[in-house]
PDB file of all heavy atoms in Angstrom:
ATOM      1  N   LEU A   1    -138.187  53.678-146.348  1.00  0.00           N
ATOM      2  CA  LEU A   1    -138.341  52.723-145.257  1.00  0.00           C
ATOM      3  C   LEU A   1    -139.819  52.461-145.051  1.00  0.00           C
ATOM      4  O   LEU A   1    -140.622  53.385-144.995  1.00  0.00           O
ATOM      5  CB  LEU A   1    -137.732  53.291-143.973  1.00  0.00           C
ATOM      6  CG  LEU A   1    -136.250  53.675-144.048  1.00  0.00           C
ATOM      7  CD1 LEU A   1    -135.825  54.373-142.757  1.00  0.00           C
ATOM      8  CD2 LEU A   1    -135.382  52.445-144.273  1.00  0.00           C
ATOM      9  N   VAL A   2    -140.186  51.180-144.938  1.00  0.00           N
ATOM     10  CA  VAL A   2    -141.579  50.785-144.791  1.00  0.00           C
ATOM     11  C   VAL A   2    -141.717  49.904-143.559  1.00  0.00           C
ATOM     12  O   VAL A   2    -141.054  48.874-143.458  1.00  0.00           O
ATOM     13  CB  VAL A   2    -142.077  50.034-146.038  1.00  0.00           C
ATOM     14  CG1 VAL A   2    -143.530  49.598-145.842  1.00  0.00           C
ATOM     15  CG2 VAL A   2    -141.956  50.929-147.273  1.00  0.00           C
ATOM     16  N   GLU A   3    -142.616  50.302-142.661  1.00  0.00           N
ATOM     17  CA  GLU A   3    -142.861  49.578-141.435  1.00  0.00           C
ATOM     18  C   GLU A   3    -143.982  48.546-141.597  1.00  0.00           C
ATOM     19  O   GLU A   3    -144.940  48.799-142.340  1.00  0.00           O
ATOM     20  CB  GLU A   3    -143.247  50.542-140.300  1.00  0.00           C
ATOM     21  CG  GLU A   3    -142.278  51.692-140.066  1.00  0.00           C
ATOM     22  CD  GLU A   3    -142.623  52.948-140.847  1.00  0.00           C
ATOM     23  OE1 GLU A   3    -143.385  52.871-141.833  1.00  0.00           O
ATOM     24  OE2 GLU A   3    -142.103  54.025-140.474  1.00  0.00           O
ATOM     25  N   SER A   4    -143.875  47.446-140.878  1.00  0.00           N
ATOM     26  CA  SER A   4    -144.935  46.444-140.874  1.00  0.00           C
ATOM     27  C   SER A   4    -144.809  45.609-139.596  1.00  0.00           C
ATOM     28  O   SER A   4    -143.832  45.702-138.868  1.00  0.00           O
ATOM     29  CB  SER A   4    -144.850  45.542-142.116  1.00  0.00           C
ATOM     30  OG  SER A   4    -143.638  44.806-142.134  1.00  0.00           O
ATOM     31  N   GLY A   5    -145.827  44.820-139.341  1.00  0.00           N
ATOM     32  CA  GLY A   5    -145.780  43.871-138.227  1.00  0.00           C
ATOM     33  C   GLY A   5    -146.616  44.218-137.011  1.00  0.00           C
ATOM     34  O   GLY A   5    -146.681  43.423-136.072  1.00  0.00           O
ATOM     35  N   GLY A   6    -147.247  45.376-137.028  1.00  0.00           N
ATOM     36  CA  GLY A   6    -148.068  45.758-135.902  1.00  0.00           C
ATOM     37  C   GLY A   6    -149.336  44.936-135.792  1.00  0.00           C
ATOM     38  O   GLY A   6    -149.665  44.162-136.680  1.00  0.00           O
ATOM     39  N   GLY A   7    -150.036  45.111-134.685  1.00  0.00           N
ATOM     40  CA  GLY A   7    -151.266  44.377-134.465  1.00  0.00           C
ATOM     41  C   GLY A   7    -151.812  44.608-133.072  1.00  0.00           C
ATOM     42  O   GLY A   7    -151.338  45.465-132.345  1.00  0.00           O
ATOM     43  N   LEU A   8    -152.821  43.815-132.742  1.00  0.00           N
ATOM     44  CA  LEU A   8    -153.463  43.871-131.443  1.00  0.00           C
ATOM     45  C   LEU A   8    -153.051  42.673-130.612  1.00  0.00           C
ATOM     46  O   LEU A   8    -153.194  41.530-131.055  1.00  0.00           O
ATOM     47  CB  LEU A   8    -154.994  43.887-131.615  1.00  0.00           C
ATOM     48  CG  LEU A   8    -155.840  43.781-130.355  1.00  0.00           C
ATOM     49  CD1 LEU A   8    -155.621  44.986-129.452  1.00  0.00           C
ATOM     50  CD2 LEU A   8    -157.313  43.639-130.737  1.00  0.00           C
ATOM     51  N   VAL A   9    -152.500  42.931-129.423  1.00  0.00           N
ATOM     52  CA  VAL A   9    -152.048  41.859-128.535  1.00  0.00           C
ATOM     53  C   VAL A   9    -152.481  42.163-127.115  1.00  0.00           C
ATOM     54  O   VAL A   9    -152.735  43.317-126.757  1.00  0.00           O
ATOM     55  CB  VAL A   9    -150.530  41.643-128.592  1.00  0.00           C
ATOM     56  CG1 VAL A   9    -150.072  41.226-129.978  1.00  0.00           C
ATOM     57  CG2 VAL A   9    -149.799  42.924-128.157  1.00  0.00           C
ATOM     58  N   GLN A  10    -152.540  41.120-126.306  1.00  0.00           N
ATOM     59  CA  GLN A  10    -152.814  41.297-124.888  1.00  0.00           C
ATOM     60  C   GLN A  10    -151.537  41.657-124.151  1.00  0.00           C
ATOM     61  O   GLN A  10    -150.428  41.355-124.601  1.00  0.00           O
ATOM     62  CB  GLN A  10    -153.390  40.021-124.295  1.00  0.00           C
ATOM     63  CG  GLN A  10    -154.780  39.658-124.800  1.00  0.00           C
ATOM     64  CD  GLN A  10    -155.387  38.474-124.082  1.00  0.00           C
ATOM     65  OE1 GLN A  10    -154.822  37.963-123.104  1.00  0.00           O
ATOM     66  NE2 GLN A  10    -156.527  38.017-124.555  1.00  0.00           N
ATOM     67  N   ALA A  11    -151.707  42.327-123.003  1.00  0.00           N
ATOM     68  CA  ALA A  11    -150.554  42.632-122.154  1.00  0.00           C
ATOM     69  C   ALA A  11    -149.771  41.365-121.866  1.00  0.00           C
ATOM     70  O   ALA A  11    -150.341  40.308-121.576  1.00  0.00           O
ATOM     71  CB  ALA A  11    -151.007  43.306-120.873  1.00  0.00           C
ATOM     72  N   GLY A  12    -148.453  41.469-121.957  1.00  0.00           N
ATOM     73  CA  GLY A  12    -147.582  40.328-121.770  1.00  0.00           C
ATOM     74  C   GLY A  12    -147.221  39.624-123.052  1.00  0.00           C
ATOM     75  O   GLY A  12    -146.333  38.764-123.048  1.00  0.00           O
ATOM     76  N   GLY A  13    -147.882  39.974-124.152  1.00  0.00           N
ATOM     77  CA  GLY A  13    -147.627  39.346-125.429  1.00  0.00           C
ATOM     78  C   GLY A  13    -146.435  39.940-126.131  1.00  0.00           C
ATOM     79  O   GLY A  13    -145.773  40.856-125.629  1.00  0.00           O
ATOM     80  N   SER A  14    -146.189  39.447-127.349  1.00  0.00           N
ATOM     81  CA  SER A  14    -145.026  39.858-128.134  1.00  0.00           C
ATOM     82  C   SER A  14    -145.401  40.162-129.568  1.00  0.00           C
ATOM     83  O   SER A  14    -146.371  39.610-130.113  1.00  0.00           O
ATOM     84  CB  SER A  14    -143.970  38.758-128.136  1.00  0.00           C
ATOM     85  OG  SER A  14    -143.473  38.474-126.843  1.00  0.00           O
ATOM     86  N   LEU A  15    -144.631  41.057-130.168  1.00  0.00           N
ATOM     87  CA  LEU A  15    -144.725  41.359-131.595  1.00  0.00           C
ATOM     88  C   LEU A  15    -143.329  41.617-132.127  1.00  0.00           C
ATOM     89  O   LEU A  15    -142.461  42.058-131.374  1.00  0.00           O
ATOM     90  CB  LEU A  15    -145.574  42.599-131.865  1.00  0.00           C
ATOM     91  CG  LEU A  15    -147.088  42.510-131.748  1.00  0.00           C
ATOM     92  CD1 LEU A  15    -147.683  43.909-131.859  1.00  0.00           C
ATOM     93  CD2 LEU A  15    -147.669  41.613-132.824  1.00  0.00           C
ATOM     94  N   ARG A  16    -143.123  41.358-133.398  1.00  0.00           N
ATOM     95  CA  ARG A  16    -141.892  41.745-134.068  1.00  0.00           C
ATOM     96  C   ARG A  16    -142.222  42.665-135.226  1.00  0.00           C
ATOM     97  O   ARG A  16    -142.923  42.285-136.172  1.00  0.00           O
ATOM     98  CB  ARG A  16    -141.111  40.539-134.590  1.00  0.00           C
ATOM     99  CG  ARG A  16    -139.715  40.949-135.117  1.00  0.00           C
ATOM    100  CD  ARG A  16    -138.881  39.782-135.598  1.00  0.00           C
ATOM    101  NE  ARG A  16    -139.339  39.282-136.887  1.00  0.00           N
ATOM    102  CZ  ARG A  16    -138.613  38.522-137.702  1.00  0.00           C
ATOM    103  NH1 ARG A  16    -137.367  38.182-137.350  1.00  0.00           N
ATOM    104  NH2 ARG A  16    -139.106  38.081-138.840  1.00  0.00           N
ATOM    105  N   LEU A  17    -141.725  43.889-135.151  1.00  0.00           N
ATOM    106  CA  LEU A  17    -141.907  44.867-136.207  1.00  0.00           C
ATOM    107  C   LEU A  17    -140.742  44.807-137.185  1.00  0.00           C
ATOM    108  O   LEU A  17    -139.620  44.517-136.798  1.00  0.00           O
ATOM    109  CB  LEU A  17    -141.994  46.286-135.632  1.00  0.00           C
ATOM    110  CG  LEU A  17    -143.028  46.519-134.530  1.00  0.00           C
ATOM    111  CD1 LEU A  17    -143.049  47.993-134.147  1.00  0.00           C
ATOM    112  CD2 LEU A  17    -144.408  46.040-134.944  1.00  0.00           C
ATOM    113  N   SER A  18    -141.037  45.091-138.452  1.00  0.00           N
ATOM    114  CA  SER A  18    -140.030  45.119-139.498  1.00  0.00           C
ATOM    115  C   SER A  18    -139.949  46.495-140.129  1.00  0.00           C
ATOM    116  O   SER A  18    -140.970  47.165-140.314  1.00  0.00           O
ATOM    117  CB  SER A  18    -140.342  44.088-140.582  1.00  0.00           C
ATOM    118  OG  SER A  18    -140.312  42.772-140.074  1.00  0.00           O
ATOM    119  N   CYS A  19    -138.741  46.905-140.456  1.00  0.00           N
ATOM    120  CA  CYS A  19    -138.479  48.145-141.168  1.00  0.00           C
ATOM    121  C   CYS A  19    -137.667  47.760-142.406  1.00  0.00           C
ATOM    122  O   CYS A  19    -136.458  47.514-142.310  1.00  0.00           O
ATOM    123  CB  CYS A  19    -137.708  49.111-140.276  1.00  0.00           C
ATOM    124  SG  CYS A  19    -137.164  50.643-141.057  1.00  0.00           S
ATOM    125  N   ALA A  20    -138.354  47.686-143.543  1.00  0.00           N
ATOM    126  CA  ALA A  20    -137.733  47.238-144.780  1.00  0.00           C
ATOM    127  C   ALA A  20    -137.279  48.444-145.608  1.00  0.00           C
ATOM    128  O   ALA A  20    -138.070  49.355-145.878  1.00  0.00           O
ATOM    129  CB  ALA A  20    -138.710  46.394-145.581  1.00  0.00           C
ATOM    130  N   ALA A  21    -136.031  48.435-146.016  1.00  0.00           N
ATOM    131  CA  ALA A  21    -135.461  49.516-146.806  1.00  0.00           C
ATOM    132  C   ALA A  21    -135.469  49.172-148.292  1.00  0.00           C
ATOM    133  O   ALA A  21    -135.187  48.026-148.664  1.00  0.00           O
ATOM    134  CB  ALA A  21    -134.045  49.810-146.347  1.00  0.00           C
ATOM    135  N   SER A  22    -135.762  50.157-149.127  1.00  0.00           N
ATOM    136  CA  SER A  22    -135.734  49.966-150.564  1.00  0.00           C
ATOM    137  C   SER A  22    -134.317  49.929-151.121  1.00  0.00           C
ATOM    138  O   SER A  22    -134.114  49.547-152.281  1.00  0.00           O
ATOM    139  CB  SER A  22    -136.544  51.069-151.256  1.00  0.00           C
ATOM    140  OG  SER A  22    -135.972  52.342-151.021  1.00  0.00           O
ATOM    141  N   GLY A  23    -133.359  50.326-150.327  1.00  0.00           N
ATOM    142  CA  GLY A  23    -131.958  50.296-150.681  1.00  0.00           C
ATOM    143  C   GLY A  23    -131.147  49.847-149.475  1.00  0.00           C
ATOM    144  O   GLY A  23    -131.674  49.244-148.547  1.00  0.00           O
ATOM    145  N   SER A  24    -129.864  50.175-149.494  1.00  0.00           N
ATOM    146  CA  SER A  24    -128.990  49.751-148.423  1.00  0.00           C
ATOM    147  C   SER A  24    -129.265  50.511-147.129  1.00  0.00           C
ATOM    148  O   SER A  24    -129.333  51.735-147.117  1.00  0.00           O
ATOM    149  CB  SER A  24    -127.530  49.955-148.820  1.00  0.00           C
ATOM    150  OG  SER A  24    -126.657  49.653-147.752  1.00  0.00           O
ATOM    151  N   ILE A  25    -129.405  49.761-146.036  1.00  0.00           N
ATOM    152  CA  ILE A  25    -129.545  50.407-144.741  1.00  0.00           C
ATOM    153  C   ILE A  25    -128.264  51.117-144.321  1.00  0.00           C
ATOM    154  O   ILE A  25    -128.289  51.961-143.425  1.00  0.00           O
ATOM    155  CB  ILE A  25    -129.986  49.408-143.649  1.00  0.00           C
ATOM    156  CG1 ILE A  25    -128.963  48.269-143.508  1.00  0.00           C
ATOM    157  CG2 ILE A  25    -131.373  48.866-143.952  1.00  0.00           C
ATOM    158  CD1 ILE A  25    -129.269  47.323-142.385  1.00  0.00           C
ATOM    159  N   PHE A  26    -127.167  50.777-144.982  1.00  0.00           N
ATOM    160  CA  PHE A  26    -125.884  51.409-144.661  1.00  0.00           C
ATOM    161  C   PHE A  26    -125.717  52.772-145.310  1.00  0.00           C
ATOM    162  O   PHE A  26    -124.661  53.404-145.153  1.00  0.00           O
ATOM    163  CB  PHE A  26    -124.732  50.477-145.033  1.00  0.00           C
ATOM    164  CG  PHE A  26    -124.745  49.195-144.235  1.00  0.00           C
ATOM    165  CD1 PHE A  26    -125.225  48.026-144.805  1.00  0.00           C
ATOM    166  CD2 PHE A  26    -124.298  49.171-142.939  1.00  0.00           C
ATOM    167  CE1 PHE A  26    -125.268  46.838-144.093  1.00  0.00           C
ATOM    168  CE2 PHE A  26    -124.314  48.006-142.203  1.00  0.00           C
ATOM    169  CZ  PHE A  26    -124.800  46.836-142.777  1.00  0.00           C
ATOM    170  N   SER A  27    -126.750  53.243-146.019  1.00  0.00           N
ATOM    171  CA  SER A  27    -126.758  54.629-146.474  1.00  0.00           C
ATOM    172  C   SER A  27    -127.042  55.591-145.321  1.00  0.00           C
ATOM    173  O   SER A  27    -126.913  56.809-145.504  1.00  0.00           O
ATOM    174  CB  SER A  27    -127.797  54.817-147.582  1.00  0.00           C
ATOM    175  OG  SER A  27    -129.098  54.555-147.119  1.00  0.00           O
ATOM    176  N   PHE A  28    -127.458  55.064-144.171  1.00  0.00           N
ATOM    177  CA  PHE A  28    -127.700  55.855-142.981  1.00  0.00           C
ATOM    178  C   PHE A  28    -126.624  55.588-141.943  1.00  0.00           C
ATOM    179  O   PHE A  28    -126.062  54.486-141.878  1.00  0.00           O
ATOM    180  CB  PHE A  28    -129.071  55.519-142.380  1.00  0.00           C
ATOM    181  CG  PHE A  28    -130.237  55.744-143.300  1.00  0.00           C
ATOM    182  CD1 PHE A  28    -130.859  54.675-143.926  1.00  0.00           C
ATOM    183  CD2 PHE A  28    -130.720  57.005-143.526  1.00  0.00           C
ATOM    184  CE1 PHE A  28    -131.918  54.872-144.768  1.00  0.00           C
ATOM    185  CE2 PHE A  28    -131.791  57.220-144.370  1.00  0.00           C
ATOM    186  CZ  PHE A  28    -132.401  56.145-144.986  1.00  0.00           C
ATOM    187  N   LYS A  29    -126.378  56.560-141.096  1.00  0.00           N
ATOM    188  CA  LYS A  29    -125.491  56.343-139.949  1.00  0.00           C
ATOM    189  C   LYS A  29    -126.138  55.423-138.928  1.00  0.00           C
ATOM    190  O   LYS A  29    -125.444  54.679-138.212  1.00  0.00           O
ATOM    191  CB  LYS A  29    -125.143  57.681-139.285  1.00  0.00           C
ATOM    192  CG  LYS A  29    -124.293  58.583-140.135  1.00  0.00           C
ATOM    193  CD  LYS A  29    -124.044  59.935-139.455  1.00  0.00           C
ATOM    194  CE  LYS A  29    -123.263  59.758-138.165  1.00  0.00           C
ATOM    195  NZ  LYS A  29    -122.947  61.071-137.557  1.00  0.00           N
ATOM    196  N   ALA A  30    -127.473  55.462-138.864  1.00  0.00           N
ATOM    197  CA  ALA A  30    -128.221  54.633-137.933  1.00  0.00           C
ATOM    198  C   ALA A  30    -129.656  54.527-138.420  1.00  0.00           C
ATOM    199  O   ALA A  30    -130.125  55.340-139.211  1.00  0.00           O
ATOM    200  CB  ALA A  30    -128.185  55.188-136.513  1.00  0.00           C
ATOM    201  N   ILE A  31    -130.354  53.505-137.939  1.00  0.00           N
ATOM    202  CA  ILE A  31    -131.789  53.342-138.105  1.00  0.00           C
ATOM    203  C   ILE A  31    -132.406  53.393-136.724  1.00  0.00           C
ATOM    204  O   ILE A  31    -131.936  52.704-135.813  1.00  0.00           O
ATOM    205  CB  ILE A  31    -132.176  52.035-138.806  1.00  0.00           C
ATOM    206  CG1 ILE A  31    -131.508  51.953-140.195  1.00  0.00           C
ATOM    207  CG2 ILE A  31    -133.688  51.888-138.911  1.00  0.00           C
ATOM    208  CD1 ILE A  31    -132.057  52.935-141.192  1.00  0.00           C
ATOM    209  N   ILE A  32    -133.472  54.187-136.593  1.00  0.00           N
ATOM    210  CA  ILE A  32    -134.089  54.393-135.287  1.00  0.00           C
ATOM    211  C   ILE A  32    -135.572  54.076-135.354  1.00  0.00           C
ATOM    212  O   ILE A  32    -136.255  54.472-136.312  1.00  0.00           O
ATOM    213  CB  ILE A  32    -133.887  55.851-134.809  1.00  0.00           C
ATOM    214  CG1 ILE A  32    -132.394  56.174-134.741  1.00  0.00           C
ATOM    215  CG2 ILE A  32    -134.548  56.090-133.454  1.00  0.00           C
ATOM    216  CD1 ILE A  32    -132.092  57.641-134.530  1.00  0.00           C
ATOM    217  N   TRP A  33    -136.072  53.352-134.353  1.00  0.00           N
ATOM    218  CA  TRP A  33    -137.509  53.156-134.171  1.00  0.00           C
ATOM    219  C   TRP A  33    -138.054  54.262-133.270  1.00  0.00           C
ATOM    220  O   TRP A  33    -137.452  54.581-132.237  1.00  0.00           O
ATOM    221  CB  TRP A  33    -137.810  51.799-133.547  1.00  0.00           C
ATOM    222  CG  TRP A  33    -137.748  50.654-134.529  1.00  0.00           C
ATOM    223  CD1 TRP A  33    -136.732  49.790-134.703  1.00  0.00           C
ATOM    224  CD2 TRP A  33    -138.783  50.258-135.412  1.00  0.00           C
ATOM    225  NE1 TRP A  33    -137.072  48.858-135.667  1.00  0.00           N
ATOM    226  CE2 TRP A  33    -138.331  49.134-136.130  1.00  0.00           C
ATOM    227  CE3 TRP A  33    -140.080  50.758-135.706  1.00  0.00           C
ATOM    228  CZ2 TRP A  33    -139.096  48.474-137.111  1.00  0.00           C
ATOM    229  CZ3 TRP A  33    -140.837  50.102-136.676  1.00  0.00           C
ATOM    230  CH2 TRP A  33    -140.341  48.988-137.355  1.00  0.00           C
TER     231      TRP A  33
END
């Protein structure tokens, strides 16, 4: 699993983080941030 999408933002702003899997995410019972 590889995380990306972080950065510097002001309070009140938004970001979308991504968790990309090298295989099926259904190999896990769950994915947790």
